[in-house]
C-alpha atoms as a PDB file:
ATOM      1  CA  UNK A   1      -0.170  -0.021   0.237  1.00  0.00           C
ATOM      2  CA  UNK A   2       1.526   3.313  -1.069  1.00  0.00           C
ATOM      3  CA  UNK A   3       2.396   5.755   1.756  1.00  0.00           C
ATOM      4  CA  UNK A   4       0.268   8.927   2.048  1.00  0.00           C
ATOM      5  CA  UNK A   5       2.415  12.302   1.464  1.00  0.00           C
ATOM      6  CA  UNK A   6       1.891  14.203   5.049  1.00  0.00           C
ATOM      7  CA  UNK A   7       0.243  17.323   4.053  1.00  0.00           C
ATOM      8  CA  UNK A   8       0.123  20.118   6.335  1.00  0.00           C
ATOM      9  CA  UNK A   9      -3.430  21.640   7.506  1.00  0.00           C
ATOM     10  CA  UNK A  10      -3.921  25.509   8.228  1.00  0.00           C
ATOM     11  CA  UNK A  11      -6.313  26.111  11.097  1.00  0.00           C
ATOM     12  CA  UNK A  12      -8.086  29.026  11.891  1.00  0.00           C
ATOM     13  CA  UNK A  13      -8.503  29.100  15.653  1.00  0.00           C
ATOM     14  CA  UNK A  14      -9.881  32.760  15.861  1.00  0.00           C
ATOM     15  CA  UNK A  15     -10.089  35.144  13.085  1.00  0.00           C
ATOM     16  CA  UNK A  16      -8.086  37.669  14.815  1.00  0.00           C
ATOM     17  CA  UNK A  17      -5.132  35.603  15.692  1.00  0.00           C
ATOM     18  CA  UNK A  18      -2.244  34.560  13.214  1.00  0.00           C
ATOM     19  CA  UNK A  19      -2.539  31.102  11.202  1.00  0.00           C
ATOM     20  CA  UNK A  20      -0.946  27.863  13.152  1.00  0.00           C
ATOM     21  CA  UNK A  21       0.520  25.138  10.786  1.00  0.00           C
ATOM     22  CA  UNK A  22      -0.198  21.636  12.548  1.00  0.00           C
ATOM     23  CA  UNK A  23       1.301  18.419  10.626  1.00  0.00           C
ATOM     24  CA  UNK A  24      -1.212  15.819   9.901  1.00  0.00           C
ATOM     25  CA  UNK A  25       0.117  12.199  10.538  1.00  0.00           C
ATOM     26  CA  UNK A  26       1.540  10.055  13.405  1.00  0.00           C
ATOM     27  CA  UNK A  27       3.838  11.616  15.560  1.00  0.00           C
ATOM     28  CA  UNK A  28       7.312  10.532  15.583  1.00  0.00           C
ATOM     29  CA  UNK A  29       8.101   7.404  17.896  1.00  0.00           C
ATOM     30  CA  UNK A  30      11.666   8.247  18.697  1.00  0.00           C
ATOM     31  CA  UNK A  31      13.025  12.023  18.606  1.00  0.00           C
ATOM     32  CA  UNK A  32      17.009  12.116  17.519  1.00  0.00           C
ATOM     33  CA  UNK A  33      19.163  12.355  20.399  1.00  0.00           C
ATOM     34  CA  UNK A  34      22.668  11.880  21.789  1.00  0.00           C
ATOM     35  CA  UNK A  35      21.585   9.159  23.917  1.00  0.00           C
ATOM     36  CA  UNK A  36      19.627   6.882  21.129  1.00  0.00           C
ATOM     37  CA  UNK A  37      22.557   7.690  18.620  1.00  0.00           C
ATOM     38  CA  UNK A  38      24.951   6.363  21.353  1.00  0.00           C
ATOM     39  CA  UNK A  39      22.794   3.242  21.760  1.00  0.00           C
ATOM     40  CA  UNK A  40      23.027   2.938  17.940  1.00  0.00           C
ATOM     41  CA  UNK A  41      26.988   3.210  18.084  1.00  0.00           C
ATOM     42  CA  UNK A  42      27.377   0.864  20.931  1.00  0.00           C
ATOM     43  CA  UNK A  43      25.450  -1.789  19.233  1.00  0.00           C
ATOM     44  CA  UNK A  44      27.417  -1.423  16.054  1.00  0.00           C
ATOM     45  CA  UNK A  45      30.627  -1.487  17.780  1.00  0.00           C
ATOM     46  CA  UNK A  46      29.418  -5.093  19.509  1.00  0.00           C
ATOM     47  CA  UNK A  47      29.325  -6.515  15.804  1.00  0.00           C
ATOM     48  CA  UNK A  48      25.564  -5.820  15.125  1.00  0.00           C
ATOM     49  CA  UNK A  49      24.885  -4.067  11.875  1.00  0.00           C
ATOM     50  CA  UNK A  50      22.478  -1.243  11.179  1.00  0.00           C
ATOM     51  CA  UNK A  51      19.521  -3.461  10.714  1.00  0.00           C
ATOM     52  CA  UNK A  52      20.099  -5.339  13.897  1.00  0.00           C
ATOM     53  CA  UNK A  53      20.776  -2.225  15.999  1.00  0.00           C
ATOM     54  CA  UNK A  54      17.310  -0.800  14.527  1.00  0.00           C
ATOM     55  CA  UNK A  55      15.589  -3.974  15.278  1.00  0.00           C
ATOM     56  CA  UNK A  56      17.021  -4.279  18.990  1.00  0.00           C
ATOM     57  CA  UNK A  57      16.147  -0.569  19.605  1.00  0.00           C
ATOM     58  CA  UNK A  58      12.830  -0.889  17.884  1.00  0.00           C
ATOM     59  CA  UNK A  59      13.568   2.228  15.582  1.00  0.00           C
ATOM     60  CA  UNK A  60      12.400   2.435  12.064  1.00  0.00           C
ATOM     61  CA  UNK A  61      15.464   2.224   9.559  1.00  0.00           C
ATOM     62  CA  UNK A  62      14.097   4.836   7.570  1.00  0.00           C
ATOM     63  CA  UNK A  63      14.184   7.168  10.561  1.00  0.00           C
ATOM     64  CA  UNK A  64      17.740   6.425  10.914  1.00  0.00           C
ATOM     65  CA  UNK A  65      18.676   6.989   7.344  1.00  0.00           C
ATOM     66  CA  UNK A  66      16.709  10.097   7.398  1.00  0.00           C
ATOM     67  CA  UNK A  67      18.846  10.954  10.486  1.00  0.00           C
ATOM     68  CA  UNK A  68      22.124  10.518   8.669  1.00  0.00           C
ATOM     69  CA  UNK A  69      20.841  12.781   5.934  1.00  0.00           C
ATOM     70  CA  UNK A  70      19.866  15.699   8.430  1.00  0.00           C
ATOM     71  CA  UNK A  71      22.688  15.078  10.973  1.00  0.00           C
ATOM     72  CA  UNK A  72      26.286  15.017   9.366  1.00  0.00           C
ATOM     73  CA  UNK A  73      27.777  14.423  12.709  1.00  0.00           C
ATOM     74  CA  UNK A  74      25.436  11.189  13.105  1.00  0.00           C
ATOM     75  CA  UNK A  75      26.399  10.107   9.687  1.00  0.00           C
ATOM     76  CA  UNK A  76      30.104  10.201  10.458  1.00  0.00           C
ATOM     77  CA  UNK A  77      29.647   8.539  13.681  1.00  0.00           C
ATOM     78  CA  UNK A  78      27.611   5.845  11.801  1.00  0.00           C
ATOM     79  CA  UNK A  79      30.667   5.126   9.345  1.00  0.00           C
ATOM     80  CA  UNK A  80      32.918   5.082  12.453  1.00  0.00           C
ATOM     81  CA  UNK A  81      30.742   2.335  13.889  1.00  0.00           C
ATOM     82  CA  UNK A  82      30.835   0.263  10.995  1.00  0.00           C
ATOM     83  CA  UNK A  83      34.375   0.048  10.721  1.00  0.00           C
ATOM     84  CA  UNK A  84      34.517  -0.816  14.469  1.00  0.00           C
ATOM     85  CA  UNK A  85      31.961  -3.391  13.533  1.00  0.00           C
ATOM     86  CA  UNK A  86      34.405  -4.826  11.133  1.00  0.00           C
ATOM     87  CA  UNK A  87      37.045  -4.794  13.510  1.00  0.00           C
ATOM     88  CA  UNK A  88      34.727  -6.898  15.865  1.00  0.00           C
ATOM     89  CA  UNK A  89      33.814  -9.352  13.400  1.00  0.00           C
ATOM     90  CA  UNK A  90      37.438  -9.799  12.112  1.00  0.00           C
ATOM     91  CA  UNK A  91      38.257 -10.424  15.825  1.00  0.00           C
ATOM     92  CA  UNK A  92      35.574 -12.770  16.121  1.00  0.00           C
ATOM     93  CA  UNK A  93      36.699 -14.603  12.972  1.00  0.00           C
ATOM     94  CA  UNK A  94      40.190 -14.825  14.180  1.00  0.00           C
ATOM     95  CA  UNK A  95      38.573 -16.413  17.369  1.00  0.00           C
ATOM     96  CA  UNK A  96      36.546 -18.871  15.309  1.00  0.00           C
ATOM     97  CA  UNK A  97      39.777 -20.051  13.170  1.00  0.00           C
ATOM     98  CA  UNK A  98      41.679 -20.311  16.459  1.00  0.00           C
ATOM     99  CA  UNK A  99      38.820 -22.979  17.558  1.00  0.00           C
ATOM    100  CA  UNK A 100      38.960 -24.682  14.194  1.00  0.00           C
ATOM    101  CA  UNK A 101      42.700 -25.299  15.078  1.00  0.00           C
ATOM    102  CA  UNK A 102      41.826 -26.874  18.552  1.00  0.00           C
ATOM    103  CA  UNK A 103      38.581 -28.454  18.020  1.00  0.00           C
ATOM    104  CA  UNK A 104      38.626 -29.168  14.419  1.00  0.00           C
ATOM    105  CA  UNK A 105      35.383 -27.898  13.396  1.00  0.00           C
ATOM    106  CA  UNK A 106      33.901 -28.095   9.962  1.00  0.00           C
ATOM    107  CA  UNK A 107      36.183 -26.570   7.641  1.00  0.00           C
ATOM    108  CA  UNK A 108      33.639 -25.911   5.136  1.00  0.00           C
ATOM    109  CA  UNK A 109      31.585 -23.650   7.382  1.00  0.00           C
ATOM    110  CA  UNK A 110      34.511 -21.840   8.313  1.00  0.00           C
ATOM    111  CA  UNK A 111      35.417 -21.261   4.850  1.00  0.00           C
ATOM    112  CA  UNK A 112      31.878 -20.266   4.199  1.00  0.00           C
ATOM    113  CA  UNK A 113      31.805 -17.490   7.059  1.00  0.00           C
ATOM    114  CA  UNK A 114      35.496 -16.315   5.976  1.00  0.00           C
ATOM    115  CA  UNK A 115      34.348 -15.659   2.505  1.00  0.00           C
ATOM    116  CA  UNK A 116      31.235 -13.809   3.794  1.00  0.00           C
ATOM    117  CA  UNK A 117      33.033 -11.785   6.444  1.00  0.00           C
ATOM    118  CA  UNK A 118      35.643 -10.443   3.792  1.00  0.00           C
ATOM    119  CA  UNK A 119      33.085  -9.911   1.180  1.00  0.00           C
ATOM    120  CA  UNK A 120      31.035  -7.736   3.844  1.00  0.00           C
ATOM    121  CA  UNK A 121      34.328  -6.213   5.061  1.00  0.00           C
ATOM    122  CA  UNK A 122      35.144  -4.735   1.489  1.00  0.00           C
ATOM    123  CA  UNK A 123      31.722  -2.819   1.279  1.00  0.00           C
ATOM    124  CA  UNK A 124      31.183  -1.900   4.614  1.00  0.00           C
ATOM    125  CA  UNK A 125      34.833  -0.541   5.191  1.00  0.00           C
ATOM    126  CA  UNK A 126      36.233  -0.329   1.804  1.00  0.00           C
ATOM    127  CA  UNK A 127      38.990   2.352   2.991  1.00  0.00           C
ATOM    128  CA  UNK A 128      40.447  -0.048   5.476  1.00  0.00           C
ATOM    129  CA  UNK A 129      39.466  -3.712   4.034  1.00  0.00           C
ATOM    130  CA  UNK A 130      38.857  -3.114   0.315  1.00  0.00           C
ATOM    131  CA  UNK A 131      41.086  -4.207  -2.764  1.00  0.00           C
ATOM    132  CA  UNK A 132      43.948  -1.883  -3.033  1.00  0.00           C
ATOM    133  CA  UNK A 133      44.410  -1.433  -6.954  1.00  0.00           C
ATOM    134  CA  UNK A 134      47.155   0.622  -8.380  1.00  0.00           C
ATOM    135  CA  UNK A 135      46.872   1.577 -12.102  1.00  0.00           C
ATOM    136  CA  UNK A 136      49.784   3.073 -13.902  1.00  0.00           C
ATOM    137  CA  UNK A 137      49.546   4.111 -17.798  1.00  0.00           C
ATOM    138  CA  UNK A 138      52.969   4.464 -19.421  1.00  0.00           C
ATOM    139  CA  UNK A 139      54.141   4.578 -23.074  1.00  0.00           C
ATOM    140  CA  UNK A 140      56.430   1.927 -24.598  1.00  0.00           C
ATOM    141  CA  UNK A 141      59.310   0.640 -22.141  1.00  0.00           C
ATOM    142  CA  UNK A 142      58.040   2.822 -19.312  1.00  0.00           C
ATOM    143  CA  UNK A 143      58.688   6.066 -20.816  1.00  0.00           C
ATOM    144  CA  UNK A 144      55.724   8.653 -20.815  1.00  0.00           C
ATOM    145  CA  UNK A 145      53.067   8.513 -22.981  1.00  0.00           C
ATOM    146  CA  UNK A 146      53.451  10.360 -26.589  1.00  0.00           C
ATOM    147  CA  UNK A 147      50.546  12.107 -27.889  1.00  0.00           C
ATOM    148  CA  UNK A 148      50.810  12.934 -31.895  1.00  0.00           C
ATOM    149  CA  UNK A 149      48.237  15.584 -33.326  1.00  0.00           C
ATOM    150  CA  UNK A 150      47.305  15.076 -36.797  1.00  0.00           C
ATOM    151  CA  UNK A 151      45.782  17.692 -39.052  1.00  0.00           C
ATOM    152  CA  UNK A 152      42.848  16.721 -41.333  1.00  0.00           C
ATOM    153  CA  UNK A 153      42.243  18.773 -44.485  1.00  0.00           C
ATOM    154  CA  UNK A 154      38.941  18.134 -46.625  1.00  0.00           C
ATOM    155  CA  UNK A 155      40.464  18.748 -50.151  1.00  0.00           C
ATOM    156  CA  UNK A 156      36.886  18.298 -51.483  1.00  0.00           C
ATOM    157  CA  UNK A 157      36.212  21.899 -50.355  1.00  0.00           C
ATOM    158  CA  UNK A 158      39.633  23.612 -51.851  1.00  0.00           C
ATOM    159  CA  UNK A 159      40.006  24.944 -55.159  1.00  0.00           C
ATOM    160  CA  UNK A 160      42.254  23.969 -57.752  1.00  0.00           C
ATOM    161  CA  UNK A 161      44.884  26.339 -57.115  1.00  0.00           C
ATOM    162  CA  UNK A 162      44.478  25.533 -53.354  1.00  0.00           C
ATOM    163  CA  UNK A 163      44.874  21.734 -54.022  1.00  0.00           C
ATOM    164  CA  UNK A 164      47.911  22.125 -55.921  1.00  0.00           C
ATOM    165  CA  UNK A 165      49.518  24.501 -53.256  1.00  0.00           C
ATOM    166  CA  UNK A 166      48.564  21.790 -50.592  1.00  0.00           C
ATOM    167  CA  UNK A 167      50.423  19.298 -52.907  1.00  0.00           C
ATOM    168  CA  UNK A 168      53.312  21.229 -53.115  1.00  0.00           C
ATOM    169  CA  UNK A 169      53.766  21.774 -49.288  1.00  0.00           C
ATOM    170  CA  UNK A 170      53.329  18.339 -48.541  1.00  0.00           C
ATOM    171  CA  UNK A 171      56.048  17.297 -51.239  1.00  0.00           C
ATOM    172  CA  UNK A 172      58.371  20.041 -49.447  1.00  0.00           C
ATOM    173  CA  UNK A 173      57.546  18.299 -45.987  1.00  0.00           C
ATOM    174  CA  UNK A 174      58.072  14.889 -47.300  1.00  0.00           C
ATOM    175  CA  UNK A 175      61.513  15.520 -49.035  1.00  0.00           C
ATOM    176  CA  UNK A 176      62.574  17.195 -45.432  1.00  0.00           C
ATOM    177  CA  UNK A 177      61.535  14.378 -43.527  1.00  0.00           C
ATOM    178  CA  UNK A 178      63.375  12.098 -45.888  1.00  0.00           C
ATOM    179  CA  UNK A 179      66.505  14.074 -45.574  1.00  0.00           C
ATOM    180  CA  UNK A 180      66.306  14.285 -42.090  1.00  0.00           C
ATOM    181  CA  UNK A 181      66.193  10.323 -41.811  1.00  0.00           C
ATOM    182  CA  UNK A 182      69.192  10.223 -43.952  1.00  0.00           C
ATOM    183  CA  UNK A 183      71.132  12.571 -42.090  1.00  0.00           C
ATOM    184  CA  UNK A 184      70.333  10.642 -38.930  1.00  0.00           C
ATOM    185  CA  UNK A 185      71.715   7.193 -40.659  1.00  0.00           C
ATOM    186  CA  UNK A 186      74.770   8.909 -41.546  1.00  0.00           C
ATOM    187  CA  UNK A 187      75.690  10.151 -37.828  1.00  0.00           C
END
């Protein structure tokens, strides 16, 4: 069922008094507060993701994402919490690996868990755990890239005299290039 757009209703209490604006709709269950944001942060640092933290606190995720848009400090707090969450999950994964060595748990389960946590870490905290790719572009034999410019002349638009002049210029340039190549071979 599509959500109804919240409209504002103008109400006149008395003709002489100014108009007051009242929002129509259900009042917010939770109001943005430092206490609530710290609770979200603490849950994420414990290793829970945003969905789990919202469920535990009874918050609507849409509300939390709206707060991230409205309050830049909350958005940066969530980013730090995601990185801390990944550190906690990596610590838990190390513990699982150590348990495998001592208890000989199922290696397939451990491999799946490791793959998932790696995939998750690359997306949640790419700056820390993402793949580091470096691309360098060089020319032949590691030298700088050489750029050549070419001029294109459409001879169909030239008059007969202009074509002849162009032919002479091109022949002169060609003979000059051949002379330079011959001079380089002699050196």
